[in-house]
Amino acid sequence: MTAREIPESDWKKFRTVREVALERFSGQILEQVRTASAQPGQSLHERYLQVCRIIHERDRQLGDAFNDPRRSHARTQLLLMHRLGVIEPEELAQFSKQTQKYVRELPL
């Protein structure tokens, strides 16, 4: 295991937590799109442009946090998921103290 990799037990937990967090994040995006597309007082084109901005920004975040899940990327992805607010405290508490510390204390 390299310094970048998480322990095997954390890797197994990561794969499960990742799926739940991805669903939460997708739900957040869909809610943002729903809200933006229903804004009163804006033209349909303005709403469309707002939806495009949301999708563009959130797609970048989704890619960084969820795409290409590998053990060597798991810590960083877990950190990004935590910063996106899609990891619950009790989910993070399942991980080793070392991984929890990395997620809570590492600045990006």
N, C-alpha and C. Protein backbone atom coordinates (compact mmCIF):
# COMPACT_ATOMS: atom_id res chain seq x y z
N MET A 1 0.85 -1.18 0.00
CA MET A 1 0.00 0.00 0.00
C MET A 1 0.89 1.24 0.00
N THR A 2 0.64 2.15 -0.93
CA THR A 2 1.39 3.40 -0.97
C THR A 2 0.74 4.41 -0.04
N ALA A 3 1.42 5.54 0.14
CA ALA A 3 0.90 6.59 1.02
C ALA A 3 -0.44 7.13 0.52
N ARG A 4 -0.65 7.09 -0.79
CA ARG A 4 -1.89 7.62 -1.36
C ARG A 4 -3.06 6.67 -1.19
N GLU A 5 -2.78 5.39 -1.03
CA GLU A 5 -3.84 4.39 -0.96
C GLU A 5 -4.43 4.29 0.44
N ILE A 6 -5.68 3.90 0.46
CA ILE A 6 -6.33 3.66 1.73
C ILE A 6 -6.21 2.18 2.08
N PRO A 7 -6.36 1.83 3.34
CA PRO A 7 -6.31 0.42 3.72
C PRO A 7 -7.41 -0.38 3.01
N GLU A 8 -7.17 -1.65 2.85
CA GLU A 8 -8.13 -2.54 2.16
C GLU A 8 -9.52 -2.45 2.78
N SER A 9 -9.60 -2.43 4.10
CA SER A 9 -10.91 -2.37 4.75
C SER A 9 -11.64 -1.07 4.41
N ASP A 10 -10.90 0.03 4.31
CA ASP A 10 -11.51 1.31 3.92
C ASP A 10 -11.91 1.29 2.45
N TRP A 11 -11.13 0.63 1.62
CA TRP A 11 -11.45 0.54 0.20
C TRP A 11 -12.78 -0.17 0.00
N LYS A 12 -13.01 -1.23 0.75
CA LYS A 12 -14.28 -1.96 0.65
C LYS A 12 -15.45 -1.07 1.08
N LYS A 13 -15.27 -0.32 2.15
CA LYS A 13 -16.32 0.60 2.62
C LYS A 13 -16.53 1.73 1.61
N PHE A 14 -15.44 2.21 1.04
CA PHE A 14 -15.50 3.30 0.07
C PHE A 14 -16.43 2.95 -1.09
N ARG A 15 -16.30 1.76 -1.60
CA ARG A 15 -17.11 1.38 -2.75
C ARG A 15 -18.60 1.43 -2.44
N THR A 16 -18.99 1.07 -1.24
CA THR A 16 -20.40 1.14 -0.84
C THR A 16 -20.83 2.58 -0.60
N VAL A 17 -20.03 3.32 0.15
CA VAL A 17 -20.36 4.72 0.46
C VAL A 17 -20.40 5.55 -0.81
N ARG A 18 -19.51 5.27 -1.76
CA ARG A 18 -19.47 6.01 -3.02
C ARG A 18 -20.81 5.93 -3.76
N GLU A 19 -21.40 4.75 -3.79
CA GLU A 19 -22.67 4.58 -4.51
C GLU A 19 -23.78 5.40 -3.86
N VAL A 20 -23.83 5.40 -2.54
CA VAL A 20 -24.84 6.17 -1.82
C VAL A 20 -24.61 7.67 -2.04
N ALA A 21 -23.36 8.09 -1.95
CA ALA A 21 -23.03 9.50 -2.13
C ALA A 21 -23.32 9.96 -3.55
N LEU A 22 -23.09 9.11 -4.53
CA LEU A 22 -23.39 9.45 -5.92
C LEU A 22 -24.88 9.67 -6.13
N GLU A 23 -25.69 8.85 -5.50
CA GLU A 23 -27.14 9.04 -5.57
C GLU A 23 -27.55 10.36 -4.93
N ARG A 24 -26.98 10.66 -3.77
CA ARG A 24 -27.29 11.94 -3.11
C ARG A 24 -26.89 13.12 -3.99
N PHE A 25 -25.70 13.06 -4.53
CA PHE A 25 -25.20 14.15 -5.36
C PHE A 25 -26.08 14.32 -6.60
N SER A 26 -26.43 13.23 -7.22
CA SER A 26 -27.31 13.29 -8.40
C SER A 26 -28.65 13.91 -8.03
N GLY A 27 -29.17 13.56 -6.86
CA GLY A 27 -30.42 14.16 -6.39
C GLY A 27 -30.29 15.67 -6.18
N GLN A 28 -29.16 16.09 -5.63
CA GLN A 28 -28.92 17.53 -5.45
C GLN A 28 -28.94 18.26 -6.80
N ILE A 29 -28.28 17.68 -7.76
CA ILE A 29 -28.21 18.30 -9.09
C ILE A 29 -29.60 18.38 -9.70
N LEU A 30 -30.34 17.31 -9.65
CA LEU A 30 -31.68 17.31 -10.23
C LEU A 30 -32.58 18.33 -9.55
N GLU A 31 -32.43 18.48 -8.25
CA GLU A 31 -33.22 19.49 -7.53
C GLU A 31 -32.83 20.90 -7.97
N GLN A 32 -31.53 21.14 -8.14
CA GLN A 32 -31.08 22.45 -8.63
C GLN A 32 -31.64 22.74 -10.02
N VAL A 33 -31.61 21.75 -10.87
CA VAL A 33 -32.12 21.92 -12.23
C VAL A 33 -33.63 22.18 -12.19
N ARG A 34 -34.34 21.43 -11.36
CA ARG A 34 -35.79 21.63 -11.24
C ARG A 34 -36.10 23.06 -10.79
N THR A 35 -35.38 23.52 -9.78
CA THR A 35 -35.59 24.87 -9.27
C THR A 35 -35.25 25.92 -10.33
N ALA A 36 -34.12 25.76 -10.99
CA ALA A 36 -33.69 26.72 -12.00
C ALA A 36 -34.64 26.76 -13.19
N SER A 37 -35.18 25.62 -13.55
CA SER A 37 -36.05 25.58 -14.72
C SER A 37 -37.45 26.11 -14.44
N ALA A 38 -37.77 26.35 -13.19
CA ALA A 38 -39.10 26.82 -12.82
C ALA A 38 -39.08 28.25 -12.27
N GLN A 39 -38.00 28.98 -12.49
CA GLN A 39 -37.89 30.33 -11.95
C GLN A 39 -38.90 31.28 -12.60
N PRO A 40 -39.82 31.81 -11.81
CA PRO A 40 -40.76 32.78 -12.38
C PRO A 40 -40.03 34.09 -12.69
N GLY A 41 -40.50 34.77 -13.69
CA GLY A 41 -39.91 36.05 -14.05
C GLY A 41 -38.70 35.95 -14.96
N GLN A 42 -38.32 34.75 -15.32
CA GLN A 42 -37.22 34.57 -16.25
C GLN A 42 -37.76 33.97 -17.55
N SER A 43 -37.15 34.36 -18.63
CA SER A 43 -37.56 33.79 -19.91
C SER A 43 -37.13 32.32 -19.96
N LEU A 44 -37.72 31.59 -20.86
CA LEU A 44 -37.34 30.19 -21.03
C LEU A 44 -35.87 30.08 -21.38
N HIS A 45 -35.37 31.01 -22.19
CA HIS A 45 -33.96 30.97 -22.56
C HIS A 45 -33.07 31.23 -21.35
N GLU A 46 -33.44 32.16 -20.50
CA GLU A 46 -32.65 32.41 -19.28
C GLU A 46 -32.64 31.17 -18.38
N ARG A 47 -33.76 30.51 -18.27
CA ARG A 47 -33.83 29.29 -17.47
C ARG A 47 -32.93 28.21 -18.09
N TYR A 48 -33.00 28.07 -19.38
CA TYR A 48 -32.18 27.10 -20.08
C TYR A 48 -30.69 27.37 -19.82
N LEU A 49 -30.27 28.62 -19.94
CA LEU A 49 -28.87 28.97 -19.70
C LEU A 49 -28.45 28.66 -18.27
N GLN A 50 -29.32 28.92 -17.32
CA GLN A 50 -29.02 28.61 -15.93
C GLN A 50 -28.87 27.10 -15.73
N VAL A 51 -29.75 26.32 -16.33
CA VAL A 51 -29.65 24.86 -16.24
C VAL A 51 -28.32 24.40 -16.85
N CYS A 52 -27.95 24.97 -17.98
CA CYS A 52 -26.67 24.60 -18.61
C CYS A 52 -25.49 24.92 -17.68
N ARG A 53 -25.52 26.05 -17.02
CA ARG A 53 -24.44 26.42 -16.10
C ARG A 53 -24.36 25.42 -14.94
N ILE A 54 -25.51 25.08 -14.42
CA ILE A 54 -25.54 24.12 -13.31
C ILE A 54 -24.96 22.78 -13.76
N ILE A 55 -25.42 22.28 -14.88
CA ILE A 55 -24.95 20.99 -15.38
C ILE A 55 -23.45 21.02 -15.63
N HIS A 56 -22.98 22.07 -16.24
CA HIS A 56 -21.55 22.19 -16.55
C HIS A 56 -20.70 22.14 -15.27
N GLU A 57 -21.06 22.95 -14.30
CA GLU A 57 -20.28 23.01 -13.05
C GLU A 57 -20.40 21.70 -12.26
N ARG A 58 -21.61 21.21 -12.12
CA ARG A 58 -21.80 20.02 -11.31
C ARG A 58 -21.23 18.77 -11.98
N ASP A 59 -21.21 18.75 -13.31
CA ASP A 59 -20.61 17.62 -14.01
C ASP A 59 -19.11 17.55 -13.76
N ARG A 60 -18.47 18.70 -13.69
CA ARG A 60 -17.04 18.74 -13.36
C ARG A 60 -16.83 18.21 -11.95
N GLN A 61 -17.65 18.64 -11.01
CA GLN A 61 -17.54 18.16 -9.64
C GLN A 61 -17.80 16.66 -9.55
N LEU A 62 -18.80 16.19 -10.27
CA LEU A 62 -19.12 14.77 -10.28
C LEU A 62 -17.93 13.97 -10.80
N GLY A 63 -17.34 14.42 -11.88
CA GLY A 63 -16.19 13.72 -12.45
C GLY A 63 -15.04 13.63 -11.47
N ASP A 64 -14.72 14.75 -10.83
CA ASP A 64 -13.61 14.77 -9.87
C ASP A 64 -13.86 13.83 -8.69
N ALA A 65 -15.08 13.83 -8.18
CA ALA A 65 -15.38 13.09 -6.96
C ALA A 65 -15.75 11.62 -7.19
N PHE A 66 -16.27 11.30 -8.37
CA PHE A 66 -16.84 9.96 -8.53
C PHE A 66 -16.27 9.13 -9.69
N ASN A 67 -15.73 9.75 -10.71
CA ASN A 67 -15.26 8.98 -11.87
C ASN A 67 -13.98 8.22 -11.56
N ASP A 68 -13.81 7.09 -12.24
CA ASP A 68 -12.59 6.29 -12.17
C ASP A 68 -12.21 5.92 -10.73
N PRO A 69 -13.11 5.27 -10.00
CA PRO A 69 -12.80 4.92 -8.61
C PRO A 69 -11.72 3.85 -8.55
N ARG A 70 -10.59 4.24 -8.03
CA ARG A 70 -9.46 3.31 -7.82
C ARG A 70 -8.97 3.49 -6.40
N ARG A 71 -8.35 2.49 -5.91
CA ARG A 71 -7.85 2.56 -4.53
C ARG A 71 -6.89 3.73 -4.35
N SER A 72 -6.09 4.01 -5.36
CA SER A 72 -5.12 5.11 -5.27
C SER A 72 -5.79 6.48 -5.30
N HIS A 73 -7.04 6.55 -5.74
CA HIS A 73 -7.78 7.82 -5.79
C HIS A 73 -8.82 7.94 -4.68
N ALA A 74 -9.07 6.86 -3.99
CA ALA A 74 -10.20 6.79 -3.07
C ALA A 74 -10.16 7.85 -1.98
N ARG A 75 -9.01 8.07 -1.37
CA ARG A 75 -8.93 9.07 -0.30
C ARG A 75 -9.31 10.46 -0.81
N THR A 76 -8.74 10.83 -1.93
CA THR A 76 -9.04 12.15 -2.49
C THR A 76 -10.50 12.25 -2.89
N GLN A 77 -11.03 11.20 -3.48
CA GLN A 77 -12.44 11.23 -3.86
C GLN A 77 -13.34 11.29 -2.64
N LEU A 78 -12.98 10.58 -1.60
CA LEU A 78 -13.76 10.64 -0.36
C LEU A 78 -13.72 12.06 0.22
N LEU A 79 -12.57 12.69 0.18
CA LEU A 79 -12.43 14.06 0.62
C LEU A 79 -13.34 14.99 -0.20
N LEU A 80 -13.35 14.83 -1.51
CA LEU A 80 -14.19 15.67 -2.37
C LEU A 80 -15.67 15.42 -2.10
N MET A 81 -16.06 14.18 -1.91
CA MET A 81 -17.45 13.86 -1.59
C MET A 81 -17.85 14.52 -0.27
N HIS A 82 -16.96 14.46 0.70
CA HIS A 82 -17.22 15.09 1.99
C HIS A 82 -17.42 16.59 1.82
N ARG A 83 -16.58 17.21 1.03
CA ARG A 83 -16.69 18.66 0.80
C ARG A 83 -17.93 19.02 0.01
N LEU A 84 -18.44 18.10 -0.78
CA LEU A 84 -19.69 18.32 -1.51
C LEU A 84 -20.90 18.11 -0.61
N GLY A 85 -20.67 17.61 0.58
CA GLY A 85 -21.76 17.42 1.53
C GLY A 85 -22.61 16.19 1.29
N VAL A 86 -22.03 15.18 0.64
CA VAL A 86 -22.82 13.98 0.34
C VAL A 86 -22.37 12.75 1.13
N ILE A 87 -21.52 12.98 2.13
CA ILE A 87 -21.10 11.91 3.04
C ILE A 87 -21.65 12.26 4.42
N GLU A 88 -22.43 11.39 4.97
CA GLU A 88 -22.99 11.60 6.30
C GLU A 88 -21.93 11.31 7.36
N PRO A 89 -21.99 11.97 8.52
CA PRO A 89 -21.01 11.74 9.58
C PRO A 89 -20.87 10.28 9.98
N GLU A 90 -22.00 9.57 10.06
CA GLU A 90 -21.92 8.15 10.45
C GLU A 90 -21.27 7.30 9.36
N GLU A 91 -21.35 7.73 8.12
CA GLU A 91 -20.67 7.01 7.04
C GLU A 91 -19.16 7.23 7.13
N LEU A 92 -18.76 8.46 7.38
CA LEU A 92 -17.34 8.75 7.53
C LEU A 92 -16.76 8.02 8.75
N ALA A 93 -17.56 7.89 9.79
CA ALA A 93 -17.10 7.23 11.02
C ALA A 93 -16.79 5.75 10.81
N GLN A 94 -17.25 5.15 9.72
CA GLN A 94 -16.96 3.75 9.42
C GLN A 94 -15.51 3.53 9.01
N PHE A 95 -14.84 4.59 8.56
CA PHE A 95 -13.49 4.48 8.04
C PHE A 95 -12.46 4.53 9.17
N SER A 96 -11.25 4.11 8.85
CA SER A 96 -10.16 4.13 9.83
C SER A 96 -9.91 5.56 10.30
N LYS A 97 -9.33 5.68 11.47
CA LYS A 97 -9.01 7.01 12.02
C LYS A 97 -8.10 7.78 11.06
N GLN A 98 -7.18 7.10 10.44
CA GLN A 98 -6.25 7.73 9.48
C GLN A 98 -7.01 8.34 8.30
N THR A 99 -7.95 7.60 7.74
CA THR A 99 -8.73 8.10 6.61
C THR A 99 -9.65 9.23 7.05
N GLN A 100 -10.26 9.10 8.21
CA GLN A 100 -11.12 10.17 8.73
C GLN A 100 -10.33 11.46 8.91
N LYS A 101 -9.14 11.35 9.46
CA LYS A 101 -8.31 12.53 9.68
C LYS A 101 -7.96 13.18 8.35
N TYR A 102 -7.59 12.39 7.37
CA TYR A 102 -7.27 12.91 6.04
C TYR A 102 -8.45 13.69 5.46
N VAL A 103 -9.63 13.13 5.55
CA VAL A 103 -10.82 13.75 4.98
C VAL A 103 -11.19 15.03 5.72
N ARG A 104 -11.07 15.02 7.01
CA ARG A 104 -11.49 16.18 7.81
C ARG A 104 -10.46 17.31 7.84
N GLU A 105 -9.18 16.98 7.70
CA GLU A 105 -8.15 17.98 7.97
C GLU A 105 -7.34 18.42 6.78
N LEU A 106 -7.35 17.70 5.68
CA LEU A 106 -6.50 18.06 4.55
C LEU A 106 -7.10 19.23 3.79
N PRO A 107 -6.35 20.32 3.64
CA PRO A 107 -6.84 21.43 2.81
C PRO A 107 -6.66 21.07 1.33
N LEU A 108 -7.56 21.58 0.53
CA LEU A 108 -7.43 21.39 -0.92
C LEU A 108 -6.88 22.61 -1.58
